[in-house]
PDB file of N, CA and C in Angstrom:
ATOM      1  N   MET A   1     -66.925 100.735 102.937  1.00  0.00           N
ATOM      2  CA  MET A   1     -66.652 102.141 102.780  1.00  0.00           C
ATOM      3  C   MET A   1     -65.632 102.559 103.839  1.00  0.00           C
ATOM      4  N   LEU A   2     -64.663 103.322 103.419  1.00  0.00           N
ATOM      5  CA  LEU A   2     -63.642 103.800 104.333  1.00  0.00           C
ATOM      6  C   LEU A   2     -64.114 105.101 104.992  1.00  0.00           C
ATOM      7  N   ARG A   3     -63.799 105.248 106.263  1.00  0.00           N
ATOM      8  CA  ARG A   3     -64.225 106.426 107.014  1.00  0.00           C
ATOM      9  C   ARG A   3     -63.202 107.541 106.987  1.00  0.00           C
ATOM     10  N   SER A   4     -61.974 107.219 106.665  1.00  0.00           N
ATOM     11  CA  SER A   4     -60.899 108.208 106.703  1.00  0.00           C
ATOM     12  C   SER A   4     -61.045 109.212 105.566  1.00  0.00           C
ATOM     13  N   ARG A   5     -60.602 110.439 105.829  1.00  0.00           N
ATOM     14  CA  ARG A   5     -60.715 111.486 104.822  1.00  0.00           C
ATOM     15  C   ARG A   5     -59.356 111.961 104.310  1.00  0.00           C
ATOM     16  N   ARG A   6     -58.287 111.606 104.998  1.00  0.00           N
ATOM     17  CA  ARG A   6     -56.943 111.983 104.560  1.00  0.00           C
ATOM     18  C   ARG A   6     -56.223 110.756 104.031  1.00  0.00           C
ATOM     19  N   ALA A   7     -55.306 110.975 103.096  1.00  0.00           N
ATOM     20  CA  ALA A   7     -54.613 109.862 102.434  1.00  0.00           C
ATOM     21  C   ALA A   7     -53.852 108.997 103.432  1.00  0.00           C
ATOM     22  N   ASP A   8     -53.176 109.618 104.401  1.00  0.00           N
ATOM     23  CA  ASP A   8     -52.405 108.825 105.358  1.00  0.00           C
ATOM     24  C   ASP A   8     -53.317 107.988 106.247  1.00  0.00           C
ATOM     25  N   LEU A   9     -54.489 108.522 106.569  1.00  0.00           N
ATOM     26  CA  LEU A   9     -55.427 107.763 107.389  1.00  0.00           C
ATOM     27  C   LEU A   9     -56.108 106.654 106.592  1.00  0.00           C
ATOM     28  N   VAL A  10     -56.308 106.882 105.300  1.00  0.00           N
ATOM     29  CA  VAL A  10     -56.862 105.827 104.435  1.00  0.00           C
ATOM     30  C   VAL A  10     -55.891 104.653 104.384  1.00  0.00           C
ATOM     31  N   GLU A  11     -54.606 104.961 104.241  1.00  0.00           N
ATOM     32  CA  GLU A  11     -53.599 103.906 104.224  1.00  0.00           C
ATOM     33  C   GLU A  11     -53.588 103.135 105.544  1.00  0.00           C
ATOM     34  N   GLN A  12     -53.665 103.856 106.650  1.00  0.00           N
ATOM     35  CA  GLN A  12     -53.690 103.209 107.967  1.00  0.00           C
ATOM     36  C   GLN A  12     -54.928 102.337 108.114  1.00  0.00           C
ATOM     37  N   GLU A  13     -56.067 102.814 107.654  1.00  0.00           N
ATOM     38  CA  GLU A  13     -57.303 102.039 107.747  1.00  0.00           C
ATOM     39  C   GLU A  13     -57.239 100.776 106.891  1.00  0.00           C
ATOM     40  N   LEU A  14     -56.657 100.882 105.705  1.00  0.00           N
ATOM     41  CA  LEU A  14     -56.512  99.702 104.850  1.00  0.00           C
ATOM     42  C   LEU A  14     -55.615  98.655 105.497  1.00  0.00           C
ATOM     43  N   TYR A  15     -54.509  99.093 106.092  1.00  0.00           N
ATOM     44  CA  TYR A  15     -53.636  98.149 106.796  1.00  0.00           C
ATOM     45  C   TYR A  15     -54.386  97.488 107.950  1.00  0.00           C
ATOM     46  N   GLY A  16     -55.195  98.252 108.661  1.00  0.00           N
ATOM     47  CA  GLY A  16     -55.986  97.691 109.752  1.00  0.00           C
ATOM     48  C   GLY A  16     -56.958  96.630 109.252  1.00  0.00           C
ATOM     49  N   LEU A  17     -57.630  96.914 108.152  1.00  0.00           N
ATOM     50  CA  LEU A  17     -58.569  95.949 107.579  1.00  0.00           C
ATOM     51  C   LEU A  17     -57.851  94.681 107.119  1.00  0.00           C
ATOM     52  N   LEU A  18     -56.672  94.845 106.515  1.00  0.00           N
ATOM     53  CA  LEU A  18     -55.902  93.679 106.087  1.00  0.00           C
ATOM     54  C   LEU A  18     -55.451  92.834 107.278  1.00  0.00           C
ATOM     55  N   LEU A  19     -55.055  93.495 108.370  1.00  0.00           N
ATOM     56  CA  LEU A  19     -54.653  92.759 109.566  1.00  0.00           C
ATOM     57  C   LEU A  19     -55.821  91.990 110.173  1.00  0.00           C
ATOM     58  N   VAL A  20     -56.993  92.606 110.189  1.00  0.00           N
ATOM     59  CA  VAL A  20     -58.178  91.917 110.715  1.00  0.00           C
ATOM     60  C   VAL A  20     -58.520  90.724 109.829  1.00  0.00           C
ATOM     61  N   HIS A  21     -58.429  90.902 108.517  1.00  0.00           N
ATOM     62  CA  HIS A  21     -58.703  89.799 107.596  1.00  0.00           C
ATOM     63  C   HIS A  21     -57.736  88.648 107.848  1.00  0.00           C
ATOM     64  N   PHE A  22     -56.446  88.970 107.986  1.00  0.00           N
ATOM     65  CA  PHE A  22     -55.441  87.940 108.246  1.00  0.00           C
ATOM     66  C   PHE A  22     -55.721  87.231 109.575  1.00  0.00           C
ATOM     67  N   ALA A  23     -56.070  87.994 110.613  1.00  0.00           N
ATOM     68  CA  ALA A  23     -56.338  87.397 111.922  1.00  0.00           C
ATOM     69  C   ALA A  23     -57.553  86.468 111.872  1.00  0.00           C
ATOM     70  N   LEU A  24     -58.594  86.878 111.156  1.00  0.00           N
ATOM     71  CA  LEU A  24     -59.776  86.016 111.039  1.00  0.00           C
ATOM     72  C   LEU A  24     -59.455  84.741 110.259  1.00  0.00           C
ATOM     73  N   ARG A  25     -58.684  84.869 109.196  1.00  0.00           N
ATOM     74  CA  ARG A  25     -58.311  83.676 108.430  1.00  0.00           C
ATOM     75  C   ARG A  25     -57.459  82.733 109.273  1.00  0.00           C
ATOM     76  N   ARG A  26     -56.587  83.293 110.086  1.00  0.00           N
ATOM     77  CA  ARG A  26     -55.762  82.468 110.980  1.00  0.00           C
ATOM     78  C   ARG A  26     -56.645  81.749 112.003  1.00  0.00           C
ATOM     79  N   LEU A  27     -57.609  82.471 112.554  1.00  0.00           N
ATOM     80  CA  LEU A  27     -58.552  81.882 113.501  1.00  0.00           C
ATOM     81  C   LEU A  27     -59.349  80.757 112.843  1.00  0.00           C
ATOM     82  N   MET A  28     -59.779  80.976 111.611  1.00  0.00           N
ATOM     83  CA  MET A  28     -60.516  79.950 110.884  1.00  0.00           C
ATOM     84  C   MET A  28     -59.641  78.729 110.617  1.00  0.00           C
ATOM     85  N   HIS A  29     -58.374  78.966 110.299  1.00  0.00           N
ATOM     86  CA  HIS A  29     -57.450  77.850 110.051  1.00  0.00           C
ATOM     87  C   HIS A  29     -57.263  77.010 111.316  1.00  0.00           C
ATOM     88  N   GLU A  30     -57.068  77.687 112.457  1.00  0.00           N
ATOM     89  CA  GLU A  30     -56.906  76.963 113.720  1.00  0.00           C
ATOM     90  C   GLU A  30     -58.164  76.182 114.084  1.00  0.00           C
ATOM     91  N   ALA A  31     -59.329  76.795 113.858  1.00  0.00           N
ATOM     92  CA  ALA A  31     -60.596  76.119 114.150  1.00  0.00           C
ATOM     93  C   ALA A  31     -60.772  74.889 113.266  1.00  0.00           C
ATOM     94  N   SER A  32     -60.389  74.998 112.003  1.00  0.00           N
ATOM     95  CA  SER A  32     -60.533  73.843 111.101  1.00  0.00           C
ATOM     96  C   SER A  32     -59.592  72.716 111.493  1.00  0.00           C
ATOM     97  N   GLN A  33     -58.389  73.061 111.961  1.00  0.00           N
ATOM     98  CA  GLN A  33     -57.463  72.018 112.405  1.00  0.00           C
ATOM     99  C   GLN A  33     -58.004  71.307 113.636  1.00  0.00           C
ATOM    100  N   ARG A  34     -58.573  72.041 114.565  1.00  0.00           N
ATOM    101  CA  ARG A  34     -59.138  71.419 115.774  1.00  0.00           C
ATOM    102  C   ARG A  34     -60.319  70.526 115.434  1.00  0.00           C
ATOM    103  N   ALA A  35     -61.108  70.959 114.454  1.00  0.00           N
ATOM    104  CA  ALA A  35     -62.291  70.187 114.069  1.00  0.00           C
ATOM    105  C   ALA A  35     -61.954  69.075 113.091  1.00  0.00           C
ATOM    106  N   GLY A  36     -60.746  69.111 112.531  1.00  0.00           N
ATOM    107  CA  GLY A  36     -60.341  68.081 111.582  1.00  0.00           C
ATOM    108  C   GLY A  36     -61.037  68.203 110.241  1.00  0.00           C
ATOM    109  N   CYS A  37     -61.288  69.434 109.801  1.00  0.00           N
ATOM    110  CA  CYS A  37     -61.939  69.629 108.501  1.00  0.00           C
ATOM    111  C   CYS A  37     -61.103  70.559 107.634  1.00  0.00           C
ATOM    112  N   ASP A  38     -61.493  70.672 106.382  1.00  0.00           N
ATOM    113  CA  ASP A  38     -60.807  71.522 105.422  1.00  0.00           C
ATOM    114  C   ASP A  38     -61.140  72.986 105.709  1.00  0.00           C
ATOM    115  N   PRO A  39     -60.146  73.878 105.801  1.00  0.00           N
ATOM    116  CA  PRO A  39     -60.421  75.295 106.072  1.00  0.00           C
ATOM    117  C   PRO A  39     -61.281  75.950 104.994  1.00  0.00           C
ATOM    118  N   ASP A  40     -61.232  75.444 103.775  1.00  0.00           N
ATOM    119  CA  ASP A  40     -62.030  76.017 102.691  1.00  0.00           C
ATOM    120  C   ASP A  40     -63.529  75.783 102.873  1.00  0.00           C
ATOM    121  N   ARG A  41     -63.885  74.890 103.766  1.00  0.00           N
ATOM    122  CA  ARG A  41     -65.304  74.614 103.991  1.00  0.00           C
ATOM    123  C   ARG A  41     -65.932  75.568 105.003  1.00  0.00           C
ATOM    124  N   LEU A  42     -65.112  76.414 105.647  1.00  0.00           N
ATOM    125  CA  LEU A  42     -65.616  77.372 106.620  1.00  0.00           C
ATOM    126  C   LEU A  42     -65.997  78.677 105.931  1.00  0.00           C
ATOM    127  N   SER A  43     -67.022  79.332 106.438  1.00  0.00           N
ATOM    128  CA  SER A  43     -67.506  80.577 105.862  1.00  0.00           C
ATOM    129  C   SER A  43     -66.836  81.774 106.536  1.00  0.00           C
ATOM    130  N   PHE A  44     -66.250  82.648 105.715  1.00  0.00           N
ATOM    131  CA  PHE A  44     -65.628  83.864 106.248  1.00  0.00           C
ATOM    132  C   PHE A  44     -66.687  84.775 106.859  1.00  0.00           C
ATOM    133  N   VAL A  45     -67.817  84.916 106.206  1.00  0.00           N
ATOM    134  CA  VAL A  45     -68.898  85.772 106.709  1.00  0.00           C
ATOM    135  C   VAL A  45     -69.402  85.253 108.053  1.00  0.00           C
ATOM    136  N   HIS A  46     -69.526  83.963 108.179  1.00  0.00           N
ATOM    137  CA  HIS A  46     -69.964  83.378 109.444  1.00  0.00           C
ATOM    138  C   HIS A  46     -68.933  83.647 110.545  1.00  0.00           C
ATOM    139  N   ALA A  47     -67.659  83.549 110.208  1.00  0.00           N
ATOM    140  CA  ALA A  47     -66.595  83.835 111.179  1.00  0.00           C
ATOM    141  C   ALA A  47     -66.654  85.292 111.626  1.00  0.00           C
ATOM    142  N   VAL A  48     -66.900  86.208 110.699  1.00  0.00           N
ATOM    143  CA  VAL A  48     -67.032  87.633 111.048  1.00  0.00           C
ATOM    144  C   VAL A  48     -68.197  87.832 112.011  1.00  0.00           C
ATOM    145  N   ARG A  49     -69.312  87.194 111.736  1.00  0.00           N
ATOM    146  CA  ARG A  49     -70.481  87.325 112.617  1.00  0.00           C
ATOM    147  C   ARG A  49     -70.208  86.788 114.018  1.00  0.00           C
ATOM    148  N   ILE A  50     -69.513  85.674 114.104  1.00  0.00           N
ATOM    149  CA  ILE A  50     -69.183  85.094 115.408  1.00  0.00           C
ATOM    150  C   ILE A  50     -68.268  86.032 116.193  1.00  0.00           C
ATOM    151  N   VAL A  51     -67.239  86.548 115.524  1.00  0.00           N
ATOM    152  CA  VAL A  51     -66.299  87.450 116.209  1.00  0.00           C
ATOM    153  C   VAL A  51     -67.008  88.727 116.646  1.00  0.00           C
ATOM    154  N   ARG A  52     -67.842  89.298 115.794  1.00  0.00           N
ATOM    155  CA  ARG A  52     -68.583  90.509 116.178  1.00  0.00           C
ATOM    156  C   ARG A  52     -69.483  90.251 117.384  1.00  0.00           C
ATOM    157  N   ARG A  53     -70.071  89.077 117.431  1.00  0.00           N
ATOM    158  CA  ARG A  53     -70.979  88.747 118.528  1.00  0.00           C
ATOM    159  C   ARG A  53     -70.219  88.554 119.838  1.00  0.00           C
ATOM    160  N   HIS A  54     -69.004  88.014 119.790  1.00  0.00           N
ATOM    161  CA  HIS A  54     -68.252  87.703 121.004  1.00  0.00           C
ATOM    162  C   HIS A  54     -67.211  88.752 121.388  1.00  0.00           C
ATOM    163  N   LEU A  55     -66.902  89.670 120.499  1.00  0.00           N
ATOM    164  CA  LEU A  55     -65.856  90.655 120.759  1.00  0.00           C
ATOM    165  C   LEU A  55     -66.107  91.510 121.998  1.00  0.00           C
ATOM    166  N   PRO A  56     -67.320  91.989 122.255  1.00  0.00           N
ATOM    167  CA  PRO A  56     -67.532  92.819 123.456  1.00  0.00           C
ATOM    168  C   PRO A  56     -67.182  92.106 124.762  1.00  0.00           C
ATOM    169  N   PHE A  57     -67.234  90.790 124.783  1.00  0.00           N
ATOM    170  CA  PHE A  57     -66.925  90.043 126.004  1.00  0.00           C
ATOM    171  C   PHE A  57     -65.425  89.943 126.249  1.00  0.00           C
ATOM    172  N   HIS A  58     -64.612  90.220 125.217  1.00  0.00           N
ATOM    173  CA  HIS A  58     -63.165  90.064 125.334  1.00  0.00           C
ATOM    174  C   HIS A  58     -62.413  91.385 125.338  1.00  0.00           C
ATOM    175  N   ALA A  59     -63.119  92.494 125.237  1.00  0.00           N
ATOM    176  CA  ALA A  59     -62.458  93.801 125.284  1.00  0.00           C
ATOM    177  C   ALA A  59     -62.079  94.088 126.731  1.00  0.00           C
ATOM    178  N   ALA A  60     -60.779  94.076 127.012  1.00  0.00           N
ATOM    179  CA  ALA A  60     -60.310  94.181 128.387  1.00  0.00           C
ATOM    180  C   ALA A  60     -59.803  95.573 128.732  1.00  0.00           C
ATOM    181  N   PHE A  61     -59.786  96.482 127.780  1.00  0.00           N
ATOM    182  CA  PHE A  61     -59.265  97.815 128.068  1.00  0.00           C
ATOM    183  C   PHE A  61     -60.010  98.852 127.242  1.00  0.00           C
ATOM    184  N   SER A  62     -59.982 100.078 127.745  1.00  0.00           N
ATOM    185  CA  SER A  62     -60.570 101.194 127.014  1.00  0.00           C
ATOM    186  C   SER A  62     -59.482 101.834 126.159  1.00  0.00           C
ATOM    187  N   PRO A  63     -59.845 102.329 125.002  1.00  0.00           N
ATOM    188  CA  PRO A  63     -58.831 102.999 124.194  1.00  0.00           C
ATOM    189  C   PRO A  63     -58.371 104.279 124.883  1.00  0.00           C
ATOM    190  N   SER A  64     -57.111 104.612 124.715  1.00  0.00           N
ATOM    191  CA  SER A  64     -56.598 105.819 125.347  1.00  0.00           C
ATOM    192  C   SER A  64     -57.101 107.038 124.596  1.00  0.00           C
ATOM    193  N   ALA A  65     -57.164 108.147 125.306  1.00  0.00           N
ATOM    194  CA  ALA A  65     -57.618 109.389 124.703  1.00  0.00           C
ATOM    195  C   ALA A  65     -56.562 109.866 123.701  1.00  0.00           C
ATOM    196  N   THR A  66     -57.026 110.424 122.606  1.00  0.00           N
ATOM    197  CA  THR A  66     -56.086 110.940 121.609  1.00  0.00           C
ATOM    198  C   THR A  66     -55.559 112.284 122.067  1.00  0.00           C
ATOM    199  N   PRO A  67     -54.277 112.552 121.839  1.00  0.00           N
ATOM    200  CA  PRO A  67     -53.720 113.835 122.252  1.00  0.00           C
ATOM    201  C   PRO A  67     -54.273 114.969 121.394  1.00  0.00           C
ATOM    202  N   ALA A  68     -54.439 116.124 122.010  1.00  0.00           N
ATOM    203  CA  ALA A  68     -54.949 117.288 121.289  1.00  0.00           C
ATOM    204  C   ALA A  68     -53.863 117.838 120.383  1.00  0.00           C
ATOM    205  N   HIS A  69     -54.225 118.156 119.154  1.00  0.00           N
ATOM    206  CA  HIS A  69     -53.267 118.753 118.203  1.00  0.00           C
ATOM    207  C   HIS A  69     -53.408 120.261 118.281  1.00  0.00           C
ATOM    208  N   GLY A  70     -52.330 120.922 118.332  1.00  0.00           N
ATOM    209  CA  GLY A  70     -52.475 122.370 118.342  1.00  0.00           C
ATOM    210  C   GLY A  70     -51.329 123.014 118.866  1.00  0.00           C
TER     211      GLY A  70
END
């Protein structure tokens, strides 16, 4: 489910989701090459779970505050 309520934000959110999907697939491809196995044998859902579990340890910065509109 998309959280955005405006058309331009929906488009931005979709691009973000596509970029995350591409990054995870790239990560899976690199992992399969290191392990010497076929990338098709890796689970996308499992990769998502691993990244979600380890992501808080790699967040090195806080997001900047959004500017006030007005």
